[in-house]
Amino acid sequence: MPPLSGFLPNLPNGPLETIIYIVAFIGIILMAYSVFLKAEKKQDAVLLIASLCLLSYAIWIKNIIFIIAMLGLGISSLVEFIEIVLGYHKEQVNKK
């Protein structure tokens, strides 16, 4: 039995699976990091990359709900990023 099997029972079996887990972990970190970004353009770009990373993991585990969620997040981030780049996006200001 491997030495870490009690602590991590589902260790990756091969190099491809290890790469998928690393990409998913990078996606998690980027998604959390995007919350703290102030510039919307950077936030949307980071969210797009994070959703693509997590989409690859969702496809790997064949979870349709997770696939749809990451596709939705990725598409919405891409659309907003394009709107910002083209100048169509207007920042909303809260009036009190």
N, C-alpha and C. Protein backbone atom coordinates (compact mmCIF):
# COMPACT_ATOMS: atom_id res chain seq x y z
N MET A 1 0.85 -1.17 0.00
CA MET A 1 0.00 0.00 0.00
C MET A 1 0.90 1.24 0.00
N PRO A 2 0.58 2.27 -0.85
CA PRO A 2 1.39 3.49 -0.89
C PRO A 2 1.40 4.21 0.45
N PRO A 3 2.47 4.95 0.74
CA PRO A 3 2.60 5.56 2.06
C PRO A 3 1.54 6.62 2.38
N LEU A 4 1.00 7.31 1.38
CA LEU A 4 0.02 8.37 1.64
C LEU A 4 -1.41 7.93 1.37
N SER A 5 -1.66 6.64 1.22
CA SER A 5 -2.99 6.18 0.84
C SER A 5 -4.05 6.48 1.89
N GLY A 6 -3.68 6.53 3.17
CA GLY A 6 -4.65 6.88 4.20
C GLY A 6 -4.99 8.36 4.20
N PHE A 7 -3.98 9.19 3.88
CA PHE A 7 -4.18 10.63 3.88
C PHE A 7 -4.80 11.10 2.57
N LEU A 8 -4.31 10.60 1.45
CA LEU A 8 -4.82 10.93 0.12
C LEU A 8 -5.19 9.64 -0.60
N PRO A 9 -6.40 9.15 -0.40
CA PRO A 9 -6.76 7.84 -0.96
C PRO A 9 -6.88 7.83 -2.49
N ASN A 10 -7.10 8.98 -3.12
CA ASN A 10 -7.29 9.03 -4.56
C ASN A 10 -6.15 9.76 -5.26
N LEU A 11 -4.95 9.26 -5.10
CA LEU A 11 -3.80 9.86 -5.77
C LEU A 11 -3.91 9.62 -7.27
N PRO A 12 -3.39 10.57 -8.08
CA PRO A 12 -3.43 10.38 -9.54
C PRO A 12 -2.67 9.13 -9.95
N ASN A 13 -3.18 8.47 -10.99
CA ASN A 13 -2.60 7.21 -11.44
C ASN A 13 -1.52 7.37 -12.49
N GLY A 14 -1.53 8.45 -13.24
CA GLY A 14 -0.55 8.62 -14.31
C GLY A 14 -0.22 10.07 -14.53
N PRO A 15 0.66 10.34 -15.48
CA PRO A 15 1.06 11.73 -15.72
C PRO A 15 -0.08 12.61 -16.24
N LEU A 16 -0.95 12.07 -17.09
CA LEU A 16 -2.07 12.86 -17.61
C LEU A 16 -3.02 13.25 -16.49
N GLU A 17 -3.33 12.30 -15.63
CA GLU A 17 -4.23 12.60 -14.51
C GLU A 17 -3.59 13.60 -13.55
N THR A 18 -2.29 13.51 -13.34
CA THR A 18 -1.58 14.46 -12.50
C THR A 18 -1.67 15.86 -13.10
N ILE A 19 -1.50 15.98 -14.40
CA ILE A 19 -1.59 17.27 -15.08
C ILE A 19 -2.99 17.85 -14.94
N ILE A 20 -4.02 17.01 -15.09
CA ILE A 20 -5.40 17.47 -14.95
C ILE A 20 -5.64 18.02 -13.55
N TYR A 21 -5.14 17.33 -12.53
CA TYR A 21 -5.31 17.80 -11.15
C TYR A 21 -4.56 19.11 -10.91
N ILE A 22 -3.39 19.25 -11.49
CA ILE A 22 -2.63 20.50 -11.33
C ILE A 22 -3.35 21.65 -12.01
N VAL A 23 -3.87 21.42 -13.21
CA VAL A 23 -4.62 22.45 -13.94
C VAL A 23 -5.87 22.85 -13.14
N ALA A 24 -6.56 21.88 -12.58
CA ALA A 24 -7.74 22.17 -11.77
C ALA A 24 -7.37 22.99 -10.53
N PHE A 25 -6.26 22.65 -9.90
CA PHE A 25 -5.82 23.39 -8.72
C PHE A 25 -5.47 24.83 -9.10
N ILE A 26 -4.82 25.02 -10.24
CA ILE A 26 -4.51 26.37 -10.72
C ILE A 26 -5.81 27.14 -10.97
N GLY A 27 -6.81 26.47 -11.52
CA GLY A 27 -8.12 27.11 -11.74
C GLY A 27 -8.76 27.55 -10.45
N ILE A 28 -8.66 26.74 -9.41
CA ILE A 28 -9.22 27.10 -8.10
C ILE A 28 -8.52 28.34 -7.56
N ILE A 29 -7.20 28.36 -7.63
CA ILE A 29 -6.43 29.50 -7.12
C ILE A 29 -6.77 30.77 -7.91
N LEU A 30 -6.84 30.66 -9.23
CA LEU A 30 -7.15 31.82 -10.05
C LEU A 30 -8.56 32.35 -9.80
N MET A 31 -9.50 31.44 -9.59
CA MET A 31 -10.87 31.89 -9.32
C MET A 31 -10.95 32.66 -8.00
N ALA A 32 -10.27 32.15 -6.99
CA ALA A 32 -10.24 32.85 -5.71
C ALA A 32 -9.51 34.19 -5.85
N TYR A 33 -8.42 34.21 -6.60
CA TYR A 33 -7.65 35.44 -6.80
C TYR A 33 -8.46 36.50 -7.54
N SER A 34 -9.29 36.09 -8.49
CA SER A 34 -10.06 37.05 -9.29
C SER A 34 -11.03 37.86 -8.45
N VAL A 35 -11.44 37.33 -7.33
CA VAL A 35 -12.36 38.06 -6.45
C VAL A 35 -11.71 39.33 -5.92
N PHE A 36 -10.41 39.30 -5.73
CA PHE A 36 -9.70 40.43 -5.13
C PHE A 36 -9.20 41.44 -6.16
N LEU A 37 -9.34 41.17 -7.44
CA LEU A 37 -8.88 42.11 -8.46
C LEU A 37 -9.86 43.26 -8.59
N LYS A 38 -9.33 44.47 -8.67
CA LYS A 38 -10.18 45.66 -8.79
C LYS A 38 -10.49 45.99 -10.25
N ALA A 39 -9.53 45.80 -11.14
CA ALA A 39 -9.74 46.11 -12.56
C ALA A 39 -10.62 45.03 -13.19
N GLU A 40 -11.75 45.46 -13.74
CA GLU A 40 -12.69 44.49 -14.31
C GLU A 40 -12.10 43.71 -15.47
N LYS A 41 -11.26 44.38 -16.26
CA LYS A 41 -10.66 43.72 -17.42
C LYS A 41 -9.78 42.55 -16.97
N LYS A 42 -8.95 42.79 -15.97
CA LYS A 42 -8.09 41.73 -15.44
C LYS A 42 -8.93 40.64 -14.77
N GLN A 43 -9.96 41.06 -14.04
CA GLN A 43 -10.81 40.09 -13.35
C GLN A 43 -11.48 39.15 -14.34
N ASP A 44 -11.99 39.70 -15.43
CA ASP A 44 -12.65 38.86 -16.44
C ASP A 44 -11.66 37.93 -17.13
N ALA A 45 -10.45 38.42 -17.40
CA ALA A 45 -9.44 37.58 -18.05
C ALA A 45 -9.04 36.43 -17.13
N VAL A 46 -8.84 36.72 -15.85
CA VAL A 46 -8.45 35.68 -14.89
C VAL A 46 -9.60 34.68 -14.71
N LEU A 47 -10.84 35.18 -14.65
CA LEU A 47 -11.99 34.28 -14.51
C LEU A 47 -12.13 33.38 -15.74
N LEU A 48 -11.85 33.91 -16.90
CA LEU A 48 -11.92 33.11 -18.12
C LEU A 48 -10.90 31.98 -18.08
N ILE A 49 -9.69 32.29 -17.69
CA ILE A 49 -8.64 31.26 -17.59
C ILE A 49 -9.00 30.24 -16.53
N ALA A 50 -9.50 30.72 -15.37
CA ALA A 50 -9.89 29.81 -14.29
C ALA A 50 -11.01 28.87 -14.72
N SER A 51 -12.00 29.41 -15.42
CA SER A 51 -13.12 28.57 -15.85
C SER A 51 -12.67 27.55 -16.90
N LEU A 52 -11.71 27.91 -17.75
CA LEU A 52 -11.20 26.94 -18.71
C LEU A 52 -10.42 25.83 -18.01
N CYS A 53 -9.65 26.20 -16.99
CA CYS A 53 -8.93 25.18 -16.21
C CYS A 53 -9.90 24.22 -15.54
N LEU A 54 -10.92 24.77 -14.91
CA LEU A 54 -11.89 23.92 -14.22
C LEU A 54 -12.80 23.18 -15.19
N LEU A 55 -13.01 23.74 -16.39
CA LEU A 55 -13.77 23.03 -17.42
C LEU A 55 -13.03 21.78 -17.86
N SER A 56 -11.73 21.87 -17.98
CA SER A 56 -10.96 20.68 -18.36
C SER A 56 -11.10 19.58 -17.31
N TYR A 57 -11.11 19.98 -16.04
CA TYR A 57 -11.30 19.00 -14.97
C TYR A 57 -12.72 18.43 -15.00
N ALA A 58 -13.70 19.29 -15.23
CA ALA A 58 -15.09 18.83 -15.27
C ALA A 58 -15.31 17.82 -16.40
N ILE A 59 -14.67 18.07 -17.54
CA ILE A 59 -14.77 17.13 -18.65
C ILE A 59 -14.07 15.82 -18.29
N TRP A 60 -12.95 15.91 -17.59
CA TRP A 60 -12.20 14.71 -17.18
C TRP A 60 -13.04 13.83 -16.26
N ILE A 61 -13.76 14.45 -15.30
CA ILE A 61 -14.56 13.64 -14.37
C ILE A 61 -15.96 13.36 -14.90
N LYS A 62 -16.29 13.94 -16.05
CA LYS A 62 -17.58 13.71 -16.72
C LYS A 62 -18.78 14.12 -15.86
N ASN A 63 -18.70 15.33 -15.28
CA ASN A 63 -19.78 15.87 -14.47
C ASN A 63 -20.49 16.95 -15.28
N ILE A 64 -21.69 16.65 -15.78
CA ILE A 64 -22.40 17.54 -16.70
C ILE A 64 -22.78 18.87 -16.05
N ILE A 65 -23.17 18.86 -14.78
CA ILE A 65 -23.54 20.11 -14.10
C ILE A 65 -22.33 21.02 -13.98
N PHE A 66 -21.21 20.47 -13.60
CA PHE A 66 -19.96 21.23 -13.47
C PHE A 66 -19.50 21.74 -14.84
N ILE A 67 -19.68 20.94 -15.89
CA ILE A 67 -19.32 21.37 -17.25
C ILE A 67 -20.17 22.56 -17.67
N ILE A 68 -21.47 22.48 -17.45
CA ILE A 68 -22.37 23.57 -17.82
C ILE A 68 -22.05 24.84 -17.02
N ALA A 69 -21.77 24.69 -15.73
CA ALA A 69 -21.44 25.84 -14.89
C ALA A 69 -20.16 26.53 -15.37
N MET A 70 -19.14 25.76 -15.69
CA MET A 70 -17.88 26.36 -16.14
C MET A 70 -18.01 26.95 -17.54
N LEU A 71 -18.82 26.33 -18.40
CA LEU A 71 -19.08 26.92 -19.71
C LEU A 71 -19.80 28.26 -19.56
N GLY A 72 -20.79 28.31 -18.68
CA GLY A 72 -21.52 29.55 -18.44
C GLY A 72 -20.63 30.65 -17.90
N LEU A 73 -19.81 30.30 -16.92
CA LEU A 73 -18.90 31.29 -16.34
C LEU A 73 -17.87 31.74 -17.37
N GLY A 74 -17.33 30.82 -18.13
CA GLY A 74 -16.33 31.16 -19.15
C GLY A 74 -16.91 32.05 -20.24
N ILE A 75 -18.09 31.72 -20.73
CA ILE A 75 -18.72 32.52 -21.79
C ILE A 75 -19.06 33.91 -21.28
N SER A 76 -19.62 34.01 -20.08
CA SER A 76 -19.97 35.33 -19.55
C SER A 76 -18.73 36.18 -19.30
N SER A 77 -17.65 35.58 -18.84
CA SER A 77 -16.40 36.32 -18.64
C SER A 77 -15.83 36.78 -19.97
N LEU A 78 -15.89 35.92 -20.98
CA LEU A 78 -15.40 36.27 -22.30
C LEU A 78 -16.20 37.42 -22.90
N VAL A 79 -17.52 37.35 -22.79
CA VAL A 79 -18.38 38.40 -23.34
C VAL A 79 -18.09 39.74 -22.65
N GLU A 80 -17.99 39.74 -21.34
CA GLU A 80 -17.71 40.99 -20.63
C GLU A 80 -16.32 41.52 -20.96
N PHE A 81 -15.34 40.63 -21.09
CA PHE A 81 -13.98 41.05 -21.46
C PHE A 81 -13.99 41.71 -22.84
N ILE A 82 -14.68 41.11 -23.78
CA ILE A 82 -14.77 41.68 -25.13
C ILE A 82 -15.48 43.03 -25.09
N GLU A 83 -16.55 43.14 -24.31
CA GLU A 83 -17.26 44.42 -24.18
C GLU A 83 -16.34 45.50 -23.62
N ILE A 84 -15.53 45.17 -22.65
CA ILE A 84 -14.60 46.14 -22.06
C ILE A 84 -13.56 46.55 -23.09
N VAL A 85 -13.00 45.57 -23.81
CA VAL A 85 -11.97 45.88 -24.81
C VAL A 85 -12.53 46.75 -25.93
N LEU A 86 -13.75 46.48 -26.37
CA LEU A 86 -14.35 47.25 -27.46
C LEU A 86 -14.99 48.55 -27.00
N GLY A 87 -15.09 48.76 -25.71
CA GLY A 87 -15.63 50.02 -25.18
C GLY A 87 -17.13 50.04 -25.01
N TYR A 88 -17.79 48.88 -25.08
CA TYR A 88 -19.25 48.83 -24.90
C TYR A 88 -19.67 48.71 -23.45
N HIS A 89 -18.77 48.34 -22.60
CA HIS A 89 -19.10 48.10 -21.20
C HIS A 89 -19.09 49.41 -20.42
N LYS A 90 -20.18 49.70 -19.75
CA LYS A 90 -20.28 50.88 -18.91
C LYS A 90 -20.30 50.47 -17.47
N GLU A 91 -19.43 51.08 -16.69
CA GLU A 91 -19.36 50.77 -15.28
C GLU A 91 -20.53 51.40 -14.54
N GLN A 92 -21.20 50.60 -13.71
CA GLN A 92 -22.35 51.10 -12.98
C GLN A 92 -21.90 51.78 -11.71
N VAL A 93 -22.46 52.94 -11.44
CA VAL A 93 -22.11 53.69 -10.26
C VAL A 93 -23.33 53.72 -9.34
N ASN A 94 -23.14 53.35 -8.07
CA ASN A 94 -24.23 53.39 -7.12
C ASN A 94 -24.49 54.82 -6.69
N LYS A 95 -25.72 55.30 -6.87
CA LYS A 95 -26.10 56.65 -6.46
C LYS A 95 -26.92 56.54 -5.19
N LYS A 96 -26.53 57.29 -4.21
CA LYS A 96 -27.27 57.26 -2.93
C LYS A 96 -28.06 58.52 -2.74
